[in-house]
Amino acid sequence: MAGAARTTAASKWRRTSCPTPAAPPGSGCSANATPEFEGRGGDDLGTEIANTLYRIFHNKSSVDLEALCISPREHCWVLYVDVLLLECGGNLFDAISIAVKAALFNTRIPRVRVLEDEEGSKDIELSDDPYDSIRLSVEHVPCIVTLCKIGCRHVVDATLQEEACSLASLLVAVTSKGVVTCVRKVGKGSLDPESIFEMMETSKRVGKVLHASLQSVLHKEESLGPRRPKIGFLG
């Protein structure tokens, strides 16, 4: 991507005895991304990122919620996604959505059995095999395509300089099949209906290509198995 934004995302889960209201994904901005994020400088952007992701993923179609059910109306897995912004550049939300989908692709949920005794009480048994797990389907997980309106045209994958020239942008969440699940306008400028239609059609085309490229990379990395190169000091 031309935009220089770099992010990382991680998922975690815990078992709960009763369903709880969904909470926005956690997000944070590293001070390494820009000096403006020192102290609590990145809190506003972190909140905006979390609220945007919440709007996109808070529905039944994006994530297979049935896969998180252990015992109907009694026990379920609660899935958390944490996002960390490492470098602040252009095309921020697109990079974050890619990181979130990659994290969900690599998420494994432990396989459990629900045992019921003669009195009707239930007990949850976790497999001793750490590889005995199920994976989440990411087929309908959308990616964000940001289109910046500059003059009478629009730009995809904008740099910081290009974003500075734009008064209005459209954030479009698109699935791998080109289905639009969420649209959000940002910026102080206005967009006429004809421009919005053109930008939506562009986002569908770009979204399909983005999903195909991401899936290819994820499957290729997964096929390497233990031979996959380790990156970072924790590798």
Protein backbone atom coordinates (compact mmCIF):
# COMPACT_ATOMS: atom_id res chain seq x y z
CA MET A 1 0.00 0.00 0.00
CA ALA A 2 1.12 3.56 -0.66
CA GLY A 3 -0.19 4.64 2.73
CA ALA A 4 2.53 4.23 5.35
CA ALA A 5 0.30 3.12 8.21
CA ARG A 6 1.52 0.03 10.08
CA THR A 7 -0.67 -1.80 12.55
CA THR A 8 -0.81 -5.04 14.46
CA ALA A 9 -3.88 -6.87 15.71
CA ALA A 10 -4.33 -9.79 18.09
CA SER A 11 -7.35 -11.79 19.18
CA LYS A 12 -8.02 -13.44 22.52
CA TRP A 13 -10.97 -15.28 23.99
CA ARG A 14 -12.46 -16.28 27.32
CA ARG A 15 -15.40 -18.41 28.38
CA THR A 16 -18.36 -16.81 30.08
CA SER A 17 -21.41 -18.32 31.74
CA CYS A 18 -23.86 -15.97 30.11
CA PRO A 19 -23.80 -13.78 26.98
CA THR A 20 -22.62 -10.22 27.56
CA PRO A 21 -23.22 -7.17 25.37
CA ALA A 22 -20.63 -6.78 22.68
CA ALA A 23 -17.91 -4.24 23.45
CA PRO A 24 -15.96 -2.18 20.90
CA PRO A 25 -12.60 -3.67 19.90
CA GLY A 26 -9.67 -2.41 21.95
CA SER A 27 -7.29 -0.05 20.17
CA GLY A 28 -4.18 1.83 21.13
CA CYS A 29 -1.68 4.15 19.47
CA SER A 30 2.01 3.66 20.10
CA ALA A 31 4.07 6.80 20.75
CA ASN A 32 6.47 5.43 18.12
CA ALA A 33 3.83 6.07 15.47
CA THR A 34 4.01 9.85 15.92
CA PRO A 35 5.11 12.20 18.75
CA GLU A 36 1.51 13.43 18.92
CA PHE A 37 0.55 10.12 20.58
CA GLU A 38 2.77 10.61 23.62
CA GLY A 39 0.85 10.48 26.89
CA ARG A 40 -2.87 10.44 26.10
CA GLY A 41 -2.45 12.10 22.72
CA GLY A 42 -3.69 9.05 20.82
CA ASP A 43 -6.81 8.45 22.92
CA ASP A 44 -9.18 10.29 20.58
CA LEU A 45 -7.94 8.43 17.53
CA GLY A 46 -8.04 5.14 19.43
CA THR A 47 -11.67 5.76 20.36
CA GLU A 48 -12.54 6.64 16.76
CA ILE A 49 -10.89 3.43 15.51
CA ALA A 50 -12.70 1.32 18.11
CA ASN A 51 -16.09 2.86 17.33
CA THR A 52 -15.59 2.40 13.57
CA LEU A 53 -14.67 -1.27 13.98
CA TYR A 54 -17.64 -1.73 16.30
CA ARG A 55 -20.02 -0.42 13.65
CA ILE A 56 -18.54 -2.76 11.05
CA PHE A 57 -18.39 -5.96 13.09
CA HIS A 58 -21.41 -5.58 15.38
CA ASN A 59 -23.71 -7.76 13.28
CA LYS A 60 -24.45 -11.42 12.68
CA SER A 61 -23.09 -11.55 9.14
CA SER A 62 -19.48 -10.46 9.63
CA VAL A 63 -18.46 -13.11 12.19
CA ASP A 64 -19.99 -16.56 12.64
CA LEU A 65 -21.39 -16.10 16.15
CA GLU A 66 -22.71 -19.67 16.26
CA ALA A 67 -19.12 -20.91 16.33
CA LEU A 68 -18.68 -19.08 19.65
CA CYS A 69 -21.62 -20.86 21.27
CA ILE A 70 -20.76 -23.63 23.75
CA SER A 71 -24.20 -24.31 25.26
CA PRO A 72 -27.19 -22.27 24.03
CA ARG A 73 -28.29 -19.58 26.51
CA GLU A 74 -25.73 -20.82 29.06
CA HIS A 75 -22.10 -20.67 27.94
CA CYS A 76 -20.23 -19.04 25.10
CA TRP A 77 -16.82 -17.77 24.07
CA VAL A 78 -16.24 -14.01 24.19
CA LEU A 79 -13.84 -12.89 21.48
CA TYR A 80 -11.67 -9.78 21.88
CA VAL A 81 -9.63 -8.03 19.19
CA ASP A 82 -6.92 -5.56 20.19
CA VAL A 83 -5.37 -3.21 17.64
CA LEU A 84 -2.09 -1.33 18.05
CA LEU A 85 -1.09 1.46 15.68
CA LEU A 86 2.69 1.30 15.17
CA GLU A 87 3.17 3.88 12.44
CA CYS A 88 0.77 6.63 11.49
CA GLY A 89 0.55 7.09 7.76
CA GLY A 90 -2.09 7.34 5.10
CA ASN A 91 -4.83 4.77 4.55
CA LEU A 92 -5.08 4.02 8.26
CA PHE A 93 -8.47 2.30 8.49
CA ASP A 94 -7.75 0.05 5.51
CA ALA A 95 -4.55 -1.23 7.15
CA ILE A 96 -6.37 -1.79 10.45
CA SER A 97 -9.16 -3.81 8.84
CA ILE A 98 -6.59 -6.02 7.09
CA ALA A 99 -4.83 -6.63 10.41
CA VAL A 100 -8.14 -7.50 12.09
CA LYS A 101 -9.11 -10.00 9.39
CA ALA A 102 -5.65 -11.59 9.56
CA ALA A 103 -5.98 -11.91 13.35
CA LEU A 104 -9.40 -13.55 13.02
CA PHE A 105 -8.04 -15.90 10.34
CA ASN A 106 -5.37 -17.11 12.77
CA THR A 107 -7.78 -17.40 15.72
CA ARG A 108 -8.38 -20.89 17.05
CA ILE A 109 -11.15 -21.68 19.54
CA PRO A 110 -10.58 -24.69 21.85
CA ARG A 111 -12.88 -27.60 21.19
CA VAL A 112 -14.95 -28.42 24.26
CA ARG A 113 -17.53 -31.01 25.28
CA VAL A 114 -20.57 -30.31 27.43
CA LEU A 115 -21.18 -33.19 29.85
CA GLU A 116 -24.47 -33.53 31.71
CA ASP A 117 -24.86 -35.66 34.85
CA GLU A 118 -27.97 -37.45 36.12
CA GLU A 119 -29.12 -34.37 38.04
CA GLY A 120 -29.05 -32.23 34.92
CA SER A 121 -26.06 -30.07 35.87
CA LYS A 122 -23.62 -29.44 33.06
CA ASP A 123 -19.84 -29.49 33.09
CA ILE A 124 -17.56 -28.21 30.34
CA GLU A 125 -14.60 -30.40 29.43
CA LEU A 126 -11.65 -28.87 27.61
CA SER A 127 -9.51 -31.06 25.38
CA ASP A 128 -5.97 -31.80 26.58
CA ASP A 129 -4.71 -31.47 23.01
CA PRO A 130 -3.77 -27.80 22.36
CA TYR A 131 -4.23 -28.39 18.62
CA ASP A 132 -7.77 -29.74 19.08
CA SER A 133 -9.55 -26.54 18.09
CA ILE A 134 -11.90 -24.99 15.59
CA ARG A 135 -11.23 -21.97 13.43
CA LEU A 136 -13.46 -19.04 12.71
CA SER A 137 -14.78 -18.50 9.22
CA VAL A 138 -13.59 -15.18 7.79
CA GLU A 139 -15.49 -15.54 4.52
CA HIS A 140 -17.84 -12.67 5.37
CA VAL A 141 -15.39 -10.53 7.37
CA PRO A 142 -15.18 -7.20 5.53
CA CYS A 143 -12.18 -5.04 4.77
CA ILE A 144 -12.33 -1.26 4.66
CA VAL A 145 -11.64 0.63 1.45
CA THR A 146 -11.07 4.35 2.00
CA LEU A 147 -11.70 6.68 -0.93
CA CYS A 148 -10.52 10.30 -0.66
CA LYS A 149 -12.27 12.91 -2.78
CA ILE A 150 -9.75 15.29 -4.33
CA GLY A 151 -11.24 17.80 -6.72
CA CYS A 152 -13.68 15.98 -8.97
CA ARG A 153 -11.89 12.64 -8.65
CA HIS A 154 -11.33 10.13 -5.84
CA VAL A 155 -8.16 8.34 -4.71
CA VAL A 156 -7.73 4.88 -3.20
CA ASP A 157 -4.83 4.01 -0.86
CA ALA A 158 -4.02 7.65 -0.25
CA THR A 159 -0.80 8.87 1.35
CA LEU A 160 -0.75 11.45 4.13
CA GLN A 161 -0.06 14.18 1.57
CA GLU A 162 -3.01 13.10 -0.56
CA GLU A 163 -5.27 12.89 2.49
CA ALA A 164 -4.29 16.47 3.37
CA CYS A 165 -5.64 17.58 -0.03
CA SER A 166 -8.99 15.88 0.58
CA LEU A 167 -11.88 17.54 2.40
CA ALA A 168 -14.09 14.44 2.45
CA SER A 169 -13.50 10.70 2.41
CA LEU A 170 -15.71 7.65 2.28
CA LEU A 171 -14.96 4.55 4.37
CA VAL A 172 -16.62 1.53 2.77
CA ALA A 173 -16.61 -1.93 4.37
CA VAL A 174 -16.67 -4.57 1.61
CA THR A 175 -16.78 -8.37 1.81
CA SER A 176 -14.87 -10.74 -0.48
CA LYS A 177 -17.97 -11.00 -2.70
CA GLY A 178 -18.20 -7.23 -3.12
CA VAL A 179 -21.09 -6.75 -0.70
CA VAL A 180 -21.06 -3.39 1.10
CA THR A 181 -21.81 -3.81 4.82
CA CYS A 182 -21.08 -0.34 6.18
CA VAL A 183 -20.43 3.16 4.86
CA ARG A 184 -19.09 6.15 6.78
CA LYS A 185 -18.19 9.65 5.60
CA VAL A 186 -15.31 11.46 7.29
CA GLY A 187 -14.06 14.99 6.83
CA LYS A 188 -15.71 18.40 6.79
CA GLY A 189 -16.39 18.49 3.05
CA SER A 190 -19.52 17.32 1.26
CA LEU A 191 -20.10 14.62 -1.33
CA ASP A 192 -22.73 14.77 -4.05
CA PRO A 193 -24.84 11.64 -4.75
CA GLU A 194 -23.13 10.96 -8.09
CA SER A 195 -19.69 10.98 -6.46
CA ILE A 196 -20.88 8.65 -3.70
CA PHE A 197 -22.20 6.17 -6.27
CA GLU A 198 -18.91 6.22 -8.20
CA MET A 199 -16.90 5.77 -5.01
CA MET A 200 -19.09 2.87 -3.89
CA GLU A 201 -18.60 1.07 -7.22
CA THR A 202 -14.85 1.61 -7.01
CA SER A 203 -14.77 0.29 -3.45
CA LYS A 204 -16.48 -2.95 -4.56
CA ARG A 205 -13.90 -3.58 -7.29
CA VAL A 206 -10.96 -2.71 -5.07
CA GLY A 207 -12.40 -4.69 -2.14
CA LYS A 208 -12.60 -7.91 -4.15
CA VAL A 209 -8.97 -7.59 -5.24
CA LEU A 210 -7.88 -6.71 -1.70
CA HIS A 211 -9.62 -9.77 -0.22
CA ALA A 212 -8.18 -12.10 -2.86
CA SER A 213 -4.63 -10.84 -2.28
CA LEU A 214 -4.97 -11.04 1.51
CA GLN A 215 -6.39 -14.58 1.42
CA SER A 216 -3.56 -15.68 -0.87
CA VAL A 217 -0.93 -14.32 1.53
CA LEU A 218 -2.62 -15.82 4.61
CA HIS A 219 -2.95 -19.29 3.08
CA LYS A 220 0.62 -19.19 1.79
CA GLU A 221 1.93 -18.24 5.23
CA GLU A 222 -0.17 -20.94 6.89
CA SER A 223 1.15 -23.60 4.50
CA LEU A 224 4.71 -22.93 5.68
CA GLY A 225 3.87 -24.27 9.14
CA PRO A 226 6.93 -24.41 11.44
CA ARG A 227 9.09 -23.15 8.57
CA ARG A 228 7.35 -19.79 8.73
CA PRO A 229 9.95 -17.06 9.44
CA LYS A 230 9.75 -15.47 12.88
CA ILE A 231 9.66 -11.68 13.06
CA GLY A 232 10.34 -9.62 16.19
CA PHE A 233 12.17 -10.19 19.45
CA LEU A 234 9.47 -12.61 20.66
CA GLY A 235 9.99 -14.88 17.64
